[in-house]
Protein backbone atom coordinates (compact mmCIF):
# COMPACT_ATOMS: atom_id res chain seq x y z
CA MET A 1 13.28 -28.74 3.68
CA ALA A 2 12.79 -31.61 6.18
CA PHE A 3 12.90 -35.53 5.46
CA HIS A 4 9.96 -37.58 7.19
CA PRO A 5 11.81 -39.91 9.96
CA ARG A 6 10.16 -42.86 8.34
CA PHE A 7 8.26 -42.30 5.16
CA PRO A 8 9.56 -41.19 1.90
CA LEU A 9 8.20 -37.56 2.52
CA LEU A 10 9.90 -34.42 2.11
CA ALA A 11 8.27 -31.20 3.75
CA VAL A 12 9.30 -28.04 1.65
CA GLY A 13 8.87 -24.35 2.78
CA SER A 14 8.97 -21.35 0.38
CA GLY A 15 7.98 -17.77 0.25
CA ASP A 16 8.95 -14.34 0.11
CA TYR A 17 7.59 -10.62 0.44
CA ASP A 18 5.40 -9.40 -2.17
CA GLY A 19 6.69 -6.02 -1.88
CA GLY A 20 3.33 -4.44 -0.30
CA TYR A 21 2.70 -5.92 2.92
CA PHE A 22 2.40 -9.57 2.59
CA PHE A 23 4.70 -12.61 3.40
CA GLU A 24 3.58 -15.03 1.08
CA GLY A 25 4.59 -18.48 0.49
CA GLU A 26 3.66 -22.18 0.82
CA LEU A 27 4.17 -25.34 2.76
CA LEU A 28 4.38 -28.52 0.35
CA LEU A 29 4.77 -32.10 0.74
CA LEU A 30 6.63 -34.20 -1.38
CA ASP A 31 6.12 -37.89 -2.21
CA LEU A 32 9.58 -39.00 -2.98
CA GLU A 33 8.31 -42.02 -4.50
CA THR A 34 5.71 -40.70 -6.82
CA GLY A 35 6.93 -37.15 -7.48
CA SER A 36 3.57 -35.56 -6.22
CA ALA A 37 3.51 -32.48 -4.42
CA THR A 38 0.37 -31.38 -1.96
CA SER A 39 0.03 -27.81 -1.13
CA LEU A 40 -1.25 -27.78 2.41
CA ILE A 41 -1.90 -24.21 3.69
CA GLU A 42 -5.51 -23.55 3.61
CA HIS A 43 -5.33 -19.54 3.26
CA GLU A 44 -5.09 -18.21 -0.40
CA LEU A 45 -1.74 -16.28 0.17
CA GLY A 46 -0.14 -19.19 2.41
CA ARG A 47 2.32 -18.22 4.90
CA GLN A 48 6.38 -17.66 4.18
CA VAL A 49 7.99 -20.52 5.56
CA LEU A 50 11.45 -19.73 7.37
CA GLY A 51 12.24 -23.45 8.76
CA LEU A 52 10.91 -26.82 9.07
CA GLU A 53 11.60 -29.76 11.52
CA TRP A 54 10.22 -33.31 12.21
CA LEU A 55 9.70 -33.58 16.07
CA SER A 56 8.25 -37.09 15.55
CA GLU A 57 6.57 -39.14 12.77
CA GLN A 58 3.30 -37.26 13.27
CA GLU A 59 4.41 -33.68 14.44
CA LEU A 60 5.83 -31.02 12.39
CA ARG A 61 7.28 -27.74 13.68
CA VAL A 62 6.83 -25.01 11.28
CA LEU A 63 8.37 -21.53 11.65
CA MET A 64 6.80 -18.66 9.62
CA ALA A 65 7.21 -14.84 8.98
CA PRO A 66 4.41 -12.87 10.24
CA PRO A 67 1.55 -12.67 7.80
CA ASP A 68 2.19 -9.20 7.28
CA ASP A 69 4.23 -6.12 7.95
CA TRP A 70 1.47 -3.51 8.49
CA GLN A 71 2.40 -1.38 11.72
CA ASP A 72 4.52 -4.54 12.38
CA LYS A 73 8.04 -3.17 12.99
CA GLY A 74 9.43 -6.64 14.22
CA ALA A 75 7.92 -8.48 11.30
CA TRP A 76 11.48 -8.62 9.17
CA SER A 77 12.98 -10.07 12.60
CA GLU A 78 10.27 -12.15 14.33
CA GLY A 79 8.11 -14.83 13.45
CA HIS A 80 5.40 -17.38 14.81
CA VAL A 81 6.10 -21.10 15.34
CA ALA A 82 3.50 -23.80 15.26
CA VAL A 83 3.63 -27.48 15.87
CA VAL A 84 1.27 -29.49 13.28
CA HIS A 85 0.33 -32.50 14.32
CA ARG A 86 -1.36 -35.42 11.78
CA PRO A 87 -1.75 -39.29 12.48
CA ASP A 88 -0.60 -40.31 9.29
CA TRP A 89 1.39 -37.67 6.79
CA ARG A 90 0.95 -39.69 3.98
CA GLY A 91 -2.59 -39.08 3.26
CA VAL A 92 -2.78 -35.33 4.26
CA PRO A 93 -5.34 -33.62 2.11
CA SER A 94 -4.21 -30.39 0.18
CA ARG A 95 -5.17 -27.26 1.66
CA SER A 96 -6.21 -28.70 4.87
CA ILE A 97 -3.52 -27.03 7.35
CA THR A 98 -5.96 -23.94 8.76
CA GLY A 99 -4.79 -20.78 10.50
CA TYR A 100 -5.62 -22.49 13.89
CA ASP A 101 -3.17 -25.43 13.17
CA LEU A 102 -0.51 -22.48 12.53
CA ALA A 103 -1.26 -20.24 15.49
CA GLY A 104 1.60 -20.26 17.52
CA PRO A 105 3.49 -17.97 19.96
CA ARG A 106 6.31 -14.96 18.52
CA VAL A 107 9.70 -15.88 18.47
CA ALA A 108 12.93 -14.39 17.25
CA ALA A 109 13.33 -15.25 13.71
CA PRO A 110 16.32 -13.34 12.13
CA ARG A 111 16.47 -13.70 8.12
CA THR A 112 19.85 -15.22 7.72
CA ASP A 113 20.85 -15.08 4.12
CA HIS A 114 22.58 -18.45 3.03
CA ARG A 115 22.53 -17.93 -0.63
CA GLU A 116 26.18 -17.56 -1.21
CA ARG A 117 27.30 -20.13 1.28
CA ALA A 118 24.93 -22.55 -0.88
CA ARG A 119 26.30 -21.34 -4.32
CA ARG A 120 29.67 -22.20 -2.99
CA THR A 121 28.73 -25.71 -1.69
CA VAL A 122 27.15 -26.68 -4.81
CA SER A 123 29.94 -25.08 -6.95
CA GLY A 124 32.26 -27.57 -5.25
CA LEU A 125 30.38 -30.57 -6.01
CA SER A 126 31.49 -30.24 -9.79
CA THR A 127 33.52 -28.06 -11.94
CA ASN A 128 30.58 -27.32 -13.78
CA GLY A 129 28.36 -26.61 -10.51
CA ASP A 130 27.02 -22.94 -11.20
CA PRO A 131 23.69 -22.14 -9.23
CA ARG A 132 21.48 -19.92 -11.25
CA ARG A 133 18.39 -18.07 -10.33
CA ASN A 134 16.17 -15.45 -11.94
CA VAL A 135 17.27 -14.04 -15.25
CA ARG A 136 16.02 -10.51 -14.91
CA ALA A 137 16.94 -8.76 -18.32
CA VAL A 138 18.14 -10.82 -21.57
CA GLU A 139 19.35 -8.91 -25.02
CA GLU A 140 21.08 -10.11 -28.25
CA LEU A 141 24.07 -8.24 -29.93
CA SER A 142 24.76 -8.03 -33.44
CA ASP A 143 27.52 -10.42 -33.12
CA GLY A 144 25.48 -13.12 -32.07
CA ARG A 145 26.20 -12.77 -28.37
CA ILE A 146 23.42 -13.08 -25.55
CA VAL A 147 24.02 -10.70 -22.60
CA ALA A 148 21.67 -11.04 -19.31
CA THR A 149 21.29 -9.89 -15.68
CA LEU A 150 20.47 -12.05 -13.22
CA GLU A 151 20.29 -12.56 -9.16
CA GLY A 152 23.79 -12.91 -8.24
CA VAL A 153 25.36 -11.48 -11.31
CA GLN A 154 25.64 -8.16 -12.56
CA LEU A 155 25.94 -8.91 -16.34
CA GLU A 156 27.14 -12.00 -18.01
CA SER A 157 27.94 -12.76 -21.79
CA TRP A 158 27.30 -15.78 -23.88
CA LEU A 159 28.98 -16.63 -27.05
CA PRO A 160 26.80 -17.95 -30.24
CA SER A 161 28.26 -21.12 -29.50
CA GLY A 162 26.71 -21.46 -26.03
CA ARG A 163 29.66 -21.06 -23.82
CA ARG A 164 29.55 -18.47 -21.25
CA GLN A 165 32.18 -15.83 -22.06
CA TRP A 166 32.21 -13.96 -18.78
CA ALA A 167 30.32 -12.98 -15.94
CA VAL A 168 30.48 -10.05 -13.12
CA ARG A 169 29.19 -11.58 -9.97
CA ASP A 170 27.72 -9.65 -7.49
CA GLU A 171 27.26 -11.04 -3.84
CA ASP A 172 24.45 -8.23 -3.03
CA GLY A 173 21.62 -8.52 -5.37
CA GLY A 174 22.83 -8.65 -8.81
CA GLY A 175 21.80 -7.13 -11.98
CA ARG A 176 18.09 -6.10 -12.94
CA ASP A 177 17.54 -3.45 -15.86
CA MET A 178 20.10 -3.25 -18.76
CA VAL A 179 20.63 -0.90 -21.51
CA ILE A 180 23.17 -1.63 -24.42
CA ALA A 181 24.98 1.27 -25.87
CA ALA A 182 24.35 1.84 -29.51
CA ASP A 183 28.26 0.86 -30.38
CA GLU A 184 27.74 -2.30 -28.42
CA ARG A 185 30.89 -1.50 -26.73
CA SER A 186 29.39 -1.08 -23.20
CA ALA A 187 26.10 -1.63 -21.11
CA TRP A 188 24.46 0.07 -18.22
CA VAL A 189 23.08 -1.87 -15.63
CA GLY A 190 20.86 -1.18 -12.57
CA LEU A 191 21.57 -3.22 -9.26
CA VAL A 192 19.43 -4.73 -7.18
CA ARG A 193 19.76 -3.88 -3.34
CA PRO A 194 19.71 -6.76 -0.97
CA PRO A 195 16.12 -6.73 1.23
CA GLY A 196 16.31 -4.41 3.97
CA GLU A 197 19.42 -2.60 2.66
CA GLU A 198 19.13 1.34 3.50
CA ARG A 199 22.15 2.09 1.10
CA ALA A 200 21.42 3.64 -2.34
CA GLN A 201 20.81 1.83 -5.57
CA ALA A 202 23.82 1.78 -7.89
CA VAL A 203 23.88 1.84 -11.79
CA VAL A 204 27.19 0.84 -13.28
CA ARG A 205 28.45 0.76 -16.80
CA LEU A 206 30.29 -2.24 -17.99
CA ALA A 207 32.37 -3.21 -20.93
CA LEU A 208 30.74 -5.92 -23.17
CA GLN A 209 34.33 -7.10 -24.01
CA ASP A 210 35.36 -8.46 -20.54
CA GLY A 211 32.75 -7.04 -17.87
CA ALA A 212 35.20 -4.64 -16.71
CA GLN A 213 33.25 -1.53 -14.99
CA LEU A 214 33.74 1.92 -16.54
CA ASP A 215 31.55 3.92 -14.73
CA HIS A 216 29.45 3.93 -11.47
CA LEU A 217 26.66 6.19 -10.11
CA THR A 218 24.22 6.41 -7.47
CA PRO A 219 20.67 8.07 -8.27
CA SER A 220 19.03 10.21 -5.78
CA GLY A 221 16.24 7.72 -5.28
CA SER A 222 15.15 4.47 -6.42
CA VAL A 223 14.82 4.15 -10.51
CA SER A 224 14.25 2.02 -13.37
CA LEU A 225 16.80 1.95 -16.19
CA VAL A 226 15.19 1.96 -19.35
CA ARG A 227 16.24 2.20 -23.15
CA CYS A 228 14.43 4.89 -25.01
CA ALA A 229 13.30 5.19 -28.73
CA ASP A 230 16.42 7.00 -29.74
CA GLY A 231 18.40 3.92 -28.12
CA LEU A 232 19.95 6.06 -25.36
CA PRO A 233 19.55 5.22 -21.45
CA ALA A 234 17.23 7.18 -19.28
CA LEU A 235 16.57 6.88 -15.29
CA ALA A 236 12.90 6.68 -14.48
CA PRO A 237 11.84 7.35 -10.90
CA ALA A 238 10.61 3.83 -9.34
CA GLY A 239 8.68 5.47 -6.14
CA ARG A 240 8.79 4.05 -2.86
CA ASN A 241 6.75 1.12 -3.03
CA GLY A 242 9.11 -1.32 -4.19
CA GLU A 243 8.15 -3.56 -7.49
CA ARG A 244 4.59 -1.98 -7.27
CA SER A 245 5.57 1.34 -8.26
CA ARG A 246 8.50 0.67 -10.36
CA LEU A 247 6.75 1.20 -14.10
CA ARG A 248 9.42 0.84 -17.04
CA ILE A 249 8.48 1.33 -20.56
CA ARG A 250 11.11 0.00 -22.94
CA ARG A 251 11.47 2.16 -26.14
CA GLY A 252 9.69 5.30 -25.12
CA SER A 253 9.84 8.35 -26.89
CA ARG A 254 9.43 10.19 -23.48
CA ASN A 255 10.55 9.02 -20.24
CA TYR A 256 7.55 7.61 -18.66
CA PHE A 257 6.81 7.03 -14.95
CA LEU A 258 4.32 6.98 -11.86
CA GLU A 259 4.03 10.47 -9.93
CA THR A 260 1.69 10.82 -6.72
CA ILE A 261 -0.01 14.10 -6.48
CA SER A 262 -0.26 14.75 -2.70
CA ALA A 263 -3.81 14.52 -1.12
CA LYS A 264 -5.57 17.45 0.28
CA GLY A 265 -6.51 17.92 3.82
CA GLY A 266 -3.52 17.29 5.60
CA GLN A 267 -3.77 13.60 4.85
CA ARG A 268 -0.44 11.43 5.16
CA ARG A 269 1.97 11.38 2.52
CA GLY A 270 1.54 8.74 -0.27
CA THR A 271 -2.28 8.84 -0.11
CA GLY A 272 -2.80 10.97 -3.17
CA GLU A 273 -3.84 10.08 -6.60
CA VAL A 274 -1.29 8.20 -8.98
CA TRP A 275 -0.90 9.81 -12.46
CA LEU A 276 1.22 8.47 -15.55
CA ALA A 277 3.64 11.51 -15.94
CA ALA A 278 6.35 11.64 -18.58
CA ALA A 279 9.52 13.67 -19.16
CA ASP A 280 10.80 14.84 -22.49
CA LEU A 281 14.04 13.22 -23.50
CA GLY A 282 15.83 16.26 -25.19
CA SER A 283 19.18 16.64 -26.46
CA VAL A 284 22.10 14.51 -24.90
CA PRO A 285 25.23 16.60 -25.03
CA ASP A 286 26.96 13.30 -23.29
CA ALA A 287 25.54 10.33 -24.50
CA GLU A 288 27.75 8.58 -21.83
CA ARG A 289 25.71 9.83 -18.94
CA LEU A 290 22.21 8.90 -17.95
CA ARG A 291 19.31 11.23 -18.16
CA GLU A 292 17.02 11.98 -15.14
CA PRO A 293 13.84 13.90 -15.56
CA ARG A 294 13.83 17.48 -14.32
CA GLY A 295 10.91 19.00 -12.83
CA THR A 296 10.43 21.73 -15.62
CA GLU A 297 10.43 18.74 -18.24
CA VAL A 298 7.73 16.78 -16.65
CA SER A 299 4.12 16.54 -17.68
CA ARG A 300 1.22 14.58 -16.16
CA LEU A 301 -0.65 12.63 -18.86
CA PHE A 302 -3.79 11.17 -16.99
CA PRO A 303 -4.88 9.31 -13.93
CA TYR A 304 -2.87 5.62 -13.83
CA SER A 305 -5.89 3.80 -12.69
CA TRP A 306 -9.04 3.89 -14.95
CA GLU A 307 -11.26 2.09 -12.99
CA PRO A 308 -12.94 4.23 -10.22
CA GLY A 309 -12.10 2.50 -6.83
CA GLU A 310 -9.19 0.50 -8.07
CA THR A 311 -5.50 1.30 -7.18
CA HIS A 312 -3.41 0.05 -10.01
CA PHE A 313 0.21 -0.80 -9.33
CA ALA A 314 2.90 -0.61 -11.88
CA GLY A 315 4.84 -3.35 -14.07
CA PRO A 316 6.83 -3.83 -17.48
CA GLY A 317 5.77 -2.13 -20.70
CA VAL A 318 6.81 -0.81 -24.14
CA GLU A 319 5.84 2.02 -26.45
CA THR A 320 4.48 0.71 -29.74
CA ALA A 321 5.44 2.34 -33.14
CA ASP A 322 2.35 4.63 -33.13
CA GLY A 323 3.09 5.97 -29.80
CA ASP A 324 0.71 4.02 -27.68
CA LEU A 325 1.70 2.25 -24.28
CA ILE A 326 1.39 -1.45 -23.43
CA TYR A 327 1.94 -2.23 -19.95
CA GLY A 328 1.13 -4.95 -17.43
CA GLY A 329 0.14 -4.27 -13.82
CA THR A 330 -2.00 -5.46 -10.67
CA VAL A 331 -4.73 -4.65 -8.43
CA TYR A 332 -4.84 -5.90 -4.88
CA HIS A 333 -7.48 -6.10 -2.14
CA GLY A 334 -7.26 -6.83 1.50
CA HIS A 335 -6.41 -10.48 0.90
CA GLY A 336 -3.51 -10.23 -2.05
CA LEU A 337 -3.90 -10.08 -5.59
CA GLN A 338 -7.78 -10.02 -6.48
CA PRO A 339 -9.41 -12.29 -8.92
CA GLY A 340 -8.63 -10.84 -12.29
CA GLY A 341 -6.53 -8.45 -10.58
CA SER A 342 -3.41 -8.92 -13.18
CA PHE A 343 -3.92 -6.78 -16.33
CA VAL A 344 -2.24 -5.99 -19.70
CA VAL A 345 -3.55 -2.69 -21.12
CA ARG A 346 -2.91 -0.78 -24.39
CA ARG A 347 -3.38 3.12 -23.81
CA ALA A 348 -3.06 6.21 -26.21
CA VAL A 349 -0.99 8.92 -24.29
CA ALA A 350 -3.69 11.41 -25.75
CA GLY A 351 -6.54 10.00 -24.17
CA GLU A 352 -7.80 8.44 -20.64
CA GLU A 353 -9.50 5.35 -21.77
CA PRO A 354 -7.89 2.10 -22.61
CA THR A 355 -7.90 0.62 -26.30
CA TRP A 356 -8.10 -2.60 -24.81
CA VAL A 357 -7.61 -4.72 -21.32
CA PHE A 358 -6.68 -8.40 -20.96
CA ARG A 359 -7.22 -9.79 -17.33
CA THR A 360 -5.93 -12.66 -15.68
CA ASP A 361 -5.51 -13.89 -12.06
CA ARG A 362 -1.60 -14.27 -12.18
CA LYS A 363 1.00 -11.54 -12.09
CA ALA A 364 2.87 -10.48 -15.39
CA THR A 365 6.67 -10.74 -15.10
CA ASP A 366 7.66 -9.08 -18.39
CA LEU A 367 6.50 -7.88 -21.94
CA ASP A 368 7.57 -7.22 -25.21
CA HIS A 369 6.09 -7.09 -28.96
CA ASP A 370 6.58 -7.41 -32.35
CA THR A 371 4.68 -6.03 -35.29
CA GLU A 372 1.33 -7.91 -34.55
CA THR A 373 1.60 -9.57 -31.31
CA ALA A 374 2.09 -8.36 -27.63
CA TYR A 375 3.94 -11.15 -25.79
CA VAL A 376 3.49 -11.64 -21.96
CA THR A 377 5.03 -14.00 -19.50
CA TYR A 378 3.42 -14.92 -16.09
CA ASP A 379 4.55 -15.89 -12.76
CA ASP A 380 2.81 -19.34 -13.33
CA GLY A 381 4.90 -20.02 -16.66
CA GLU A 382 2.36 -19.46 -18.92
CA ILE A 383 3.13 -17.13 -22.11
CA ILE A 384 0.23 -15.28 -24.08
CA GLY A 385 0.40 -13.78 -27.30
CA LEU A 386 -2.26 -10.98 -27.42
CA ASP A 387 -3.28 -9.34 -30.81
CA LEU A 388 -1.49 -5.81 -31.12
CA ARG A 389 -4.78 -4.27 -32.17
CA ASP A 390 -7.66 -5.60 -29.79
CA GLY A 391 -5.91 -7.74 -26.84
CA ASN A 392 -7.45 -10.86 -28.04
CA VAL A 393 -5.58 -14.24 -27.28
CA ARG A 394 -3.90 -15.44 -30.16
CA TRP A 395 -2.32 -18.22 -28.62
CA ARG A 396 -1.19 -19.12 -24.85
CA ARG A 397 0.84 -22.02 -23.59
CA HIS A 398 3.06 -22.93 -20.42
CA LEU A 399 6.73 -22.92 -20.86
CA THR A 400 8.41 -26.30 -20.78
CA VAL A 401 12.17 -27.50 -21.18
CA ALA A 402 12.37 -31.35 -22.14
CA GLY A 403 8.98 -31.61 -20.38
CA VAL A 404 9.59 -29.68 -17.25
CA PRO A 405 7.60 -26.74 -16.43
CA VAL A 406 9.88 -23.41 -16.17
CA VAL A 407 8.72 -19.88 -15.30
CA ALA A 408 9.85 -16.94 -17.38
CA THR A 409 10.96 -13.73 -15.65
CA ALA A 410 12.37 -11.96 -18.70
CA LEU A 411 11.29 -11.48 -22.37
CA THR A 412 12.91 -9.74 -25.28
CA VAL A 413 11.63 -10.22 -28.87
CA PRO A 414 14.93 -9.64 -31.02
CA GLU A 415 12.99 -9.92 -34.22
CA PRO A 416 9.04 -11.01 -35.25
CA GLY A 417 8.46 -14.58 -34.28
CA ARG A 418 11.45 -15.17 -32.19
CA LEU A 419 11.88 -14.52 -28.19
CA LEU A 420 14.66 -14.59 -25.72
CA ILE A 421 13.38 -15.55 -22.22
CA GLY A 422 15.03 -15.77 -18.96
CA THR A 423 13.69 -17.92 -16.17
CA THR A 424 13.80 -18.43 -12.52
CA ASP A 425 16.05 -21.02 -12.61
CA GLY A 426 18.71 -19.30 -14.55
CA ARG A 427 18.06 -20.57 -17.87
CA ILE A 428 18.45 -18.58 -21.20
CA LEU A 429 16.12 -19.78 -23.96
CA ASP A 430 15.93 -19.00 -27.64
CA CYS A 431 12.26 -19.90 -28.71
CA SER A 432 10.27 -19.57 -31.85
CA THR A 433 6.56 -18.56 -31.73
CA GLY A 434 5.75 -20.62 -35.05
């Protein structure tokens, strides 16, 4: 962020890596008197902004990550710097900063992570200061407590009174997937590796009484931690393409994941066809340990993409009571998420053709269902209720708290008509669909 040297304007840069090739983001200009924000970058993907500095009343220096890391080994430690000139920044139109304006020399741009220092600074301003971000999973226990994973926290527990009981902090990435044990005495939590880290992903088991660590294991590769239909946890292989290959099906009668069939003719690894695969759960002699698929247990069900010429990437999902799968995913072209490239689909595991498909232009962040409705949250703050039978929209609305828009990142249906929602700003919301 950078305050204009004269006018009540604040330049704000944002962005992140999309998990595939692109460094996406925005350059916003916030009018501090009216509260209006103007998105300035012309390109639909924008640019990941790493630094801003006003050189004068008319010149803004912008440091950006490269557009993508395709065959670019220096993309994670270098960037481009440009000086954008406007005679009067108070009247700059939206989408008016072009690629020509942002063209600039390559410079060193290490991605220093200041999040922990920022957390300590904000916490020191008040005894109640507790910066929170990105709730990734949320569940309710039978005694009314709410447990959640989020950025910077492996797991936390909230009492029915609304007071936080305990939290297990994690300066690396925090918790992601979570499975509560049947006796509700412990929970398995899949941890997030910091960006660029080479060390393996960890999965820990924590006591729900006080958060004490009871167990720790390191899977052989990247995994999703899922709760199966029998209530026990399993590890599903998550592939090598980050979030795009991480299929996570909750309450499955089998352990579902994506498997790439190697292409013929000596093509490079990873260019083959992607199939939906499943491993039988089998008996669990030791319920305290986690199940991982074995080669002899795995069967390929059908090609993951049902549309010729489209490559479908993975997302959140659930198995219905009658054995169908409902899951979200995305389709990208050379410039990012293609129009209508976010989908939610219902498919029977016995057939390749979908029962129904619902498409939008925004990425789904999580989904769950009750007996009649599939609930889907999106990265623009919208929540959509889809008819479980035909996929038609039953209702849709944008999530707000006290009139302020928020974006949902985690969703669980504890009972029909009730939603537990986690948000990007660290809130945990108990909502009614009525």
